[in-house]
N, C-alpha and C. Protein backbone atom coordinates (compact mmCIF):
# COMPACT_ATOMS: atom_id res chain seq x y z
N MET A 1 -2.14 -14.11 13.21
CA MET A 1 -1.30 -13.51 12.18
C MET A 1 -1.38 -11.90 12.61
N THR A 2 0.01 -11.31 12.75
CA THR A 2 0.32 -10.02 13.32
C THR A 2 0.08 -8.95 12.14
N GLU A 3 -0.04 -7.94 12.92
CA GLU A 3 0.05 -6.71 12.14
C GLU A 3 1.14 -6.35 11.36
N GLY A 4 2.42 -6.60 12.35
CA GLY A 4 3.93 -6.51 11.77
C GLY A 4 4.25 -7.55 10.77
N TYR A 5 3.42 -8.82 10.83
CA TYR A 5 3.83 -9.91 9.69
C TYR A 5 3.38 -9.28 8.33
N LEU A 6 1.88 -8.72 8.47
CA LEU A 6 1.38 -8.13 7.47
C LEU A 6 1.93 -7.13 6.88
N ASP A 7 2.21 -6.16 7.68
CA ASP A 7 3.22 -5.19 7.27
C ASP A 7 4.39 -5.37 6.44
N SER A 8 5.00 -6.44 6.75
CA SER A 8 6.38 -6.89 6.17
C SER A 8 5.78 -7.34 4.73
N LEU A 9 4.72 -8.13 4.80
CA LEU A 9 4.21 -8.78 3.38
C LEU A 9 3.96 -7.59 2.55
N TRP A 10 3.23 -6.87 2.89
CA TRP A 10 2.81 -5.52 2.13
C TRP A 10 3.67 -4.84 1.40
N SER A 11 4.84 -4.79 2.17
CA SER A 11 6.13 -4.02 1.86
C SER A 11 6.71 -4.69 0.98
N GLN A 12 6.84 -5.92 1.00
CA GLN A 12 7.43 -6.86 -0.13
C GLN A 12 6.56 -6.88 -1.42
N ALA A 13 5.22 -6.77 -1.25
CA ALA A 13 4.52 -6.66 -2.19
C ALA A 13 4.48 -5.51 -3.07
N ILE A 14 4.68 -4.23 -2.30
CA ILE A 14 4.87 -2.86 -3.22
C ILE A 14 6.07 -3.13 -3.92
N ARG A 15 7.17 -3.61 -3.29
CA ARG A 15 8.30 -3.51 -4.11
C ARG A 15 8.20 -4.56 -5.51
N ALA A 16 7.39 -5.69 -5.11
CA ALA A 16 7.35 -6.32 -6.21
C ALA A 16 6.58 -6.01 -7.30
N ARG A 17 5.68 -5.15 -6.93
CA ARG A 17 4.61 -4.45 -7.85
C ARG A 17 5.39 -3.20 -8.46
N LYS A 18 6.16 -2.44 -7.76
CA LYS A 18 6.39 -1.25 -8.03
C LYS A 18 7.90 -0.97 -8.38
N GLY A 19 8.80 -1.91 -8.19
CA GLY A 19 10.37 -1.93 -8.22
C GLY A 19 11.26 -1.55 -6.95
N GLU A 20 12.26 -1.63 -7.09
CA GLU A 20 13.21 -1.31 -6.02
C GLU A 20 13.77 0.27 -5.94
N PHE A 21 13.20 0.94 -6.74
CA PHE A 21 13.79 1.93 -6.99
C PHE A 21 12.73 3.24 -6.73
N CYS A 22 12.93 4.52 -6.07
CA CYS A 22 12.03 5.62 -5.91
C CYS A 22 11.08 5.68 -7.07
N CYS A 23 9.73 5.90 -6.71
CA CYS A 23 8.78 6.31 -7.79
C CYS A 23 8.78 7.51 -8.33
N ASN A 24 9.61 8.52 -7.37
CA ASN A 24 9.63 9.76 -7.91
C ASN A 24 10.37 9.86 -9.46
N PRO A 25 9.53 10.24 -10.48
CA PRO A 25 10.21 10.50 -11.84
C PRO A 25 11.44 11.25 -11.78
N GLY A 26 12.59 10.83 -12.13
CA GLY A 26 13.69 11.32 -12.46
C GLY A 26 14.64 11.24 -11.04
N CYS A 27 14.01 10.70 -10.32
CA CYS A 27 14.89 10.19 -8.81
C CYS A 27 15.50 9.04 -9.07
N PRO A 28 17.00 8.94 -9.18
CA PRO A 28 17.75 7.66 -9.42
C PRO A 28 18.08 6.84 -8.16
N ASN A 29 17.39 6.93 -7.12
CA ASN A 29 17.96 6.45 -6.00
C ASN A 29 17.12 5.26 -5.53
N PRO A 30 17.65 4.25 -4.95
CA PRO A 30 17.09 3.21 -4.60
C PRO A 30 16.02 3.58 -3.72
N ALA A 31 14.99 2.77 -3.53
CA ALA A 31 13.82 3.17 -2.49
C ALA A 31 14.36 2.49 -1.14
N GLY A 32 14.17 3.37 -0.17
CA GLY A 32 14.74 2.76 0.85
C GLY A 32 13.64 2.63 1.96
N GLY A 33 12.45 2.73 1.56
CA GLY A 33 11.12 2.15 2.35
C GLY A 33 9.97 2.07 1.48
N VAL A 34 8.94 1.96 1.97
CA VAL A 34 7.57 2.12 1.51
C VAL A 34 6.53 2.95 2.04
N HIS A 35 6.04 3.65 1.15
CA HIS A 35 5.06 4.77 1.64
C HIS A 35 3.61 4.48 1.44
N HIS A 36 2.97 4.59 2.66
CA HIS A 36 1.48 4.58 2.42
C HIS A 36 1.01 5.88 1.88
N ILE A 37 0.33 5.77 0.75
CA ILE A 37 0.05 6.94 0.34
C ILE A 37 -1.48 7.56 1.17
N ILE A 38 -2.47 6.54 1.28
CA ILE A 38 -3.50 7.09 2.28
C ILE A 38 -2.74 6.17 3.68
N LYS A 39 -2.60 7.15 4.79
CA LYS A 39 -2.13 6.78 5.92
C LYS A 39 -2.45 5.48 6.59
N ARG A 40 -1.74 4.70 7.14
CA ARG A 40 -2.06 3.60 7.53
C ARG A 40 -2.98 3.43 8.85
N ARG A 41 -3.39 4.40 9.28
CA ARG A 41 -4.06 4.33 10.55
C ARG A 41 -5.56 3.85 9.77
N TYR A 42 -5.67 4.13 8.66
CA TYR A 42 -7.02 3.56 7.71
C TYR A 42 -6.78 2.43 7.42
N LYS A 43 -7.13 1.63 8.47
CA LYS A 43 -6.73 -0.01 8.09
C LYS A 43 -7.50 -0.75 6.92
N VAL A 44 -8.55 -0.13 6.39
CA VAL A 44 -9.12 -0.62 5.07
C VAL A 44 -8.15 -0.72 3.93
N LEU A 45 -7.30 0.34 3.88
CA LEU A 45 -6.37 0.46 2.82
C LEU A 45 -4.85 0.19 3.55
N ARG A 46 -4.77 0.14 4.75
CA ARG A 46 -3.32 -0.13 5.36
C ARG A 46 -2.39 -1.20 4.50
N TRP A 47 -3.19 -2.67 4.35
CA TRP A 47 -2.34 -3.30 3.30
C TRP A 47 -2.82 -3.69 2.10
N ASP A 48 -3.35 -2.73 1.72
CA ASP A 48 -3.83 -2.95 0.23
C ASP A 48 -2.63 -2.30 -0.89
N ALA A 49 -2.31 -3.34 -1.86
CA ALA A 49 -1.08 -2.99 -2.52
C ALA A 49 -1.15 -1.78 -3.35
N ARG A 50 -2.43 -1.17 -3.49
CA ARG A 50 -2.42 -0.17 -4.49
C ARG A 50 -2.15 1.15 -3.48
N ASN A 51 -2.10 1.10 -2.37
CA ASN A 51 -1.82 2.07 -1.16
C ASN A 51 -0.39 2.34 -1.10
N GLY A 52 0.37 1.95 -1.77
CA GLY A 52 1.82 2.08 -1.37
C GLY A 52 2.72 2.40 -2.56
N ILE A 53 3.84 3.01 -2.47
CA ILE A 53 5.24 3.26 -3.60
C ILE A 53 6.25 3.14 -2.82
N PRO A 54 7.08 2.68 -3.33
CA PRO A 54 8.53 2.89 -2.98
C PRO A 54 9.26 4.19 -3.02
N LEU A 55 9.79 4.53 -1.81
CA LEU A 55 10.42 5.77 -2.07
C LEU A 55 11.70 6.08 -1.58
N CYS A 56 12.63 6.70 -2.01
CA CYS A 56 13.83 6.80 -1.27
C CYS A 56 13.98 7.58 0.11
N SER A 57 14.96 7.90 0.69
CA SER A 57 14.94 8.61 2.28
C SER A 57 14.63 10.11 1.76
N ILE A 58 15.19 10.77 0.74
CA ILE A 58 14.92 11.99 0.16
C ILE A 58 13.56 12.43 -0.03
N CYS A 59 12.88 11.41 -0.66
CA CYS A 59 11.67 11.71 -1.46
C CYS A 59 10.34 11.36 -0.38
N HIS A 60 10.57 10.36 0.48
CA HIS A 60 9.61 9.76 1.50
C HIS A 60 9.21 10.90 2.54
N PRO A 61 10.00 11.78 3.24
CA PRO A 61 9.53 12.95 3.94
C PRO A 61 8.77 14.01 3.21
N ILE A 62 8.99 14.22 1.78
CA ILE A 62 8.20 14.96 0.98
C ILE A 62 6.68 14.18 0.82
N ALA A 63 6.80 13.11 0.74
CA ALA A 63 5.50 12.34 0.55
C ALA A 63 4.47 12.45 1.83
N ASP A 64 5.25 12.26 2.94
CA ASP A 64 4.63 12.38 4.03
C ASP A 64 4.10 13.85 4.62
N ARG A 65 4.71 14.70 3.80
CA ARG A 65 4.03 16.20 4.00
C ARG A 65 3.28 16.43 3.14
N ASN A 66 3.21 15.80 2.07
CA ASN A 66 2.21 16.35 0.82
C ASN A 66 1.49 15.23 0.14
N SER A 67 0.38 14.76 0.64
CA SER A 67 -0.20 13.59 0.08
C SER A 67 -0.82 13.85 -1.18
N ALA A 68 -1.09 15.05 -1.57
CA ALA A 68 -1.21 15.31 -3.20
C ALA A 68 -0.12 14.86 -4.02
N TRP A 69 1.08 15.21 -3.71
CA TRP A 69 2.11 14.95 -4.56
C TRP A 69 2.21 13.29 -4.50
N ALA A 70 1.90 12.61 -3.45
CA ALA A 70 2.35 11.28 -3.43
C ALA A 70 1.33 10.67 -4.22
N LEU A 71 -0.02 11.11 -4.12
CA LEU A 71 -0.98 10.70 -5.01
C LEU A 71 -0.67 10.67 -6.64
N SER A 72 -0.14 11.97 -6.69
CA SER A 72 0.41 12.25 -8.31
C SER A 72 1.15 10.95 -8.67
N LEU A 73 2.35 10.27 -7.83
CA LEU A 73 2.90 9.25 -8.51
C LEU A 73 2.23 8.07 -8.69
N ILE A 74 1.10 7.83 -8.56
CA ILE A 74 0.33 6.63 -8.81
C ILE A 74 -0.70 6.66 -10.18
N SER A 75 -1.03 5.81 -10.58
CA SER A 75 -2.03 5.80 -11.81
C SER A 75 -3.30 6.58 -11.38
N ALA A 76 -4.07 7.07 -12.65
CA ALA A 76 -5.40 7.58 -12.15
C ALA A 76 -6.65 6.72 -11.65
N ALA A 77 -6.22 5.30 -12.18
CA ALA A 77 -7.10 4.43 -11.77
C ALA A 77 -6.98 3.93 -10.08
N ASP A 78 -5.55 3.90 -9.82
CA ASP A 78 -5.48 3.85 -8.40
C ASP A 78 -5.55 4.89 -7.33
N ARG A 79 -5.51 6.04 -7.99
CA ARG A 79 -6.01 7.26 -7.21
C ARG A 79 -7.81 7.14 -6.85
N LYS A 80 -8.38 6.89 -8.17
CA LYS A 80 -9.75 6.59 -8.09
C LYS A 80 -10.08 5.42 -6.97
N TYR A 81 -9.44 4.51 -7.23
CA TYR A 81 -9.85 3.30 -6.31
C TYR A 81 -9.46 3.68 -4.79
N LEU A 82 -8.12 4.24 -4.17
CA LEU A 82 -7.90 4.94 -3.18
C LEU A 82 -9.06 5.83 -2.47
N GLU A 83 -9.68 6.65 -3.61
CA GLU A 83 -10.69 7.77 -3.19
C GLU A 83 -11.82 7.32 -2.55
N GLN A 84 -12.10 6.11 -3.44
CA GLN A 84 -13.30 5.14 -3.19
C GLN A 84 -13.12 4.40 -1.69
N MET A 85 -12.32 3.71 -1.58
CA MET A 85 -12.15 2.97 -0.55
C MET A 85 -11.97 3.67 0.70
N GLY A 86 -10.91 4.74 0.58
CA GLY A 86 -10.70 5.61 1.81
C GLY A 86 -11.72 6.02 2.66
N VAL A 87 -12.98 6.07 2.14
CA VAL A 87 -14.27 6.55 3.08
C VAL A 87 -14.54 5.48 3.99
N TYR A 88 -14.15 4.51 3.87
CA TYR A 88 -14.55 3.10 4.86
C TYR A 88 -13.74 3.13 6.16
N VAL A 89 -14.53 2.93 7.12
CA VAL A 89 -13.99 2.78 8.73
C VAL A 89 -13.97 1.17 8.62
N LEU A 90 -12.82 0.44 8.98
CA LEU A 90 -12.75 -1.02 9.03
C LEU A 90 -13.74 -1.75 9.66
N GLN A 91 -14.45 -1.03 10.59
CA GLN A 91 -15.62 -2.04 11.14
C GLN A 91 -16.76 -2.09 10.21
N ASP A 92 -17.24 -1.08 9.52
CA ASP A 92 -18.11 -0.81 8.47
C ASP A 92 -17.89 -1.92 7.38
N TRP A 93 -16.23 -1.86 7.00
CA TRP A 93 -16.27 -2.81 5.81
C TRP A 93 -16.24 -4.17 6.19
N LEU A 94 -15.76 -4.48 7.29
CA LEU A 94 -16.20 -6.08 7.72
C LEU A 94 -17.47 -6.19 7.74
N LYS A 95 -18.42 -5.18 8.33
CA LYS A 95 -19.81 -5.78 8.22
C LYS A 95 -20.35 -5.92 6.87
N ILE A 96 -19.79 -4.86 6.08
CA ILE A 96 -20.67 -4.83 4.81
C ILE A 96 -20.33 -6.17 4.18
N ASN A 97 -18.72 -6.85 4.15
CA ASN A 97 -18.55 -7.94 3.68
C ASN A 97 -18.60 -9.07 4.46
N GLY A 98 -19.12 -9.11 5.71
CA GLY A 98 -19.22 -10.35 6.30
C GLY A 98 -18.10 -10.82 6.74
N LEU A 99 -17.09 -10.12 7.13
CA LEU A 99 -15.75 -10.63 7.38
C LEU A 99 -15.53 -10.48 9.02
N THR A 100 -14.77 -11.22 9.64
CA THR A 100 -14.10 -10.80 10.75
C THR A 100 -12.60 -10.00 10.49
N ARG A 101 -12.32 -9.37 11.70
CA ARG A 101 -10.69 -8.92 11.22
C ARG A 101 -9.83 -9.77 10.96
N ASP A 102 -9.85 -11.16 11.29
CA ASP A 102 -8.91 -12.09 10.99
C ASP A 102 -9.08 -12.61 9.82
N GLU A 103 -10.04 -12.57 9.40
CA GLU A 103 -10.58 -13.22 7.76
C GLU A 103 -10.10 -12.17 7.03
N PHE A 104 -10.23 -10.71 7.09
CA PHE A 104 -9.94 -9.34 6.35
C PHE A 104 -8.31 -9.65 6.22
N MET A 105 -7.70 -9.77 7.49
CA MET A 105 -6.05 -10.04 7.57
C MET A 105 -5.72 -11.14 6.92
N GLN A 106 -6.44 -12.08 6.48
CA GLN A 106 -5.88 -13.30 6.00
C GLN A 106 -6.37 -13.07 4.31
N GLN A 107 -7.22 -12.39 4.04
CA GLN A 107 -7.55 -12.02 2.75
C GLN A 107 -6.22 -10.63 1.99
N LYS A 108 -5.64 -9.94 3.24
CA LYS A 108 -4.75 -9.29 2.50
C LYS A 108 -3.59 -9.84 2.74
N ALA A 109 -3.19 -10.89 3.55
CA ALA A 109 -1.93 -11.47 3.18
C ALA A 109 -1.95 -12.42 1.99
N ASP A 110 -3.26 -12.88 1.46
CA ASP A 110 -3.17 -13.98 0.25
C ASP A 110 -2.87 -12.94 -0.50
N GLU A 111 -3.25 -11.80 -0.75
CA GLU A 111 -3.25 -10.74 -1.86
C GLU A 111 -1.75 -10.25 -2.04
N CYS A 112 -1.21 -10.14 -0.96
CA CYS A 112 0.21 -9.72 -1.07
C CYS A 112 0.92 -11.09 -1.47
N LYS A 113 0.71 -12.12 -0.94
CA LYS A 113 1.59 -13.50 -1.31
C LYS A 113 1.46 -13.53 -3.00
N ALA A 114 0.25 -13.50 -3.37
CA ALA A 114 -0.05 -13.38 -4.79
C ALA A 114 0.74 -12.30 -5.62
N ILE A 115 0.77 -11.11 -5.14
CA ILE A 115 1.74 -10.17 -5.96
C ILE A 115 3.21 -10.52 -5.92
N ILE A 116 3.43 -11.08 -4.58
CA ILE A 116 5.25 -11.59 -4.41
C ILE A 116 5.39 -12.61 -5.35
N LYS A 117 4.24 -13.71 -5.65
CA LYS A 117 4.61 -15.02 -6.37
C LYS A 117 4.66 -14.69 -7.72
N ALA A 118 3.80 -13.87 -8.25
CA ALA A 118 3.58 -13.49 -9.59
C ALA A 118 4.90 -12.74 -9.93
N ARG A 119 5.46 -12.12 -9.21
CA ARG A 119 6.69 -11.21 -9.54
C ARG A 119 7.90 -12.43 -9.47
N LEU A 120 7.83 -13.16 -8.69
CA LEU A 120 9.19 -14.24 -8.82
C LEU A 120 8.97 -15.42 -9.99
N ALA A 121 7.61 -15.38 -10.46
CA ALA A 121 7.46 -16.63 -11.57
C ALA A 121 8.04 -15.93 -12.83
């Protein structure tokens, strides 16, 4: 499984979870993309459905420059989860959980597929 394939599944899962419109309250625009709240280089959270929100092309650059603002657009429970998970380096997370990178990626793909499937049901 490639990172690109998983990125695509993650994006679909975010839209299934949060909808097709910008998550900025009061913004009526359709989402032009999906934003990683915790930057995607933190691979433990890169494909986590709680680490993304759909944003329009106007709001997305604001979120890129202001992570506190982006965090304010999600629930308190999701913020707490991201803060707890954001401390892990992928290699450490894999060791702690006894996973290979491929197994981790398959888990994330399965999670995204379940979210998408639930939305379609």
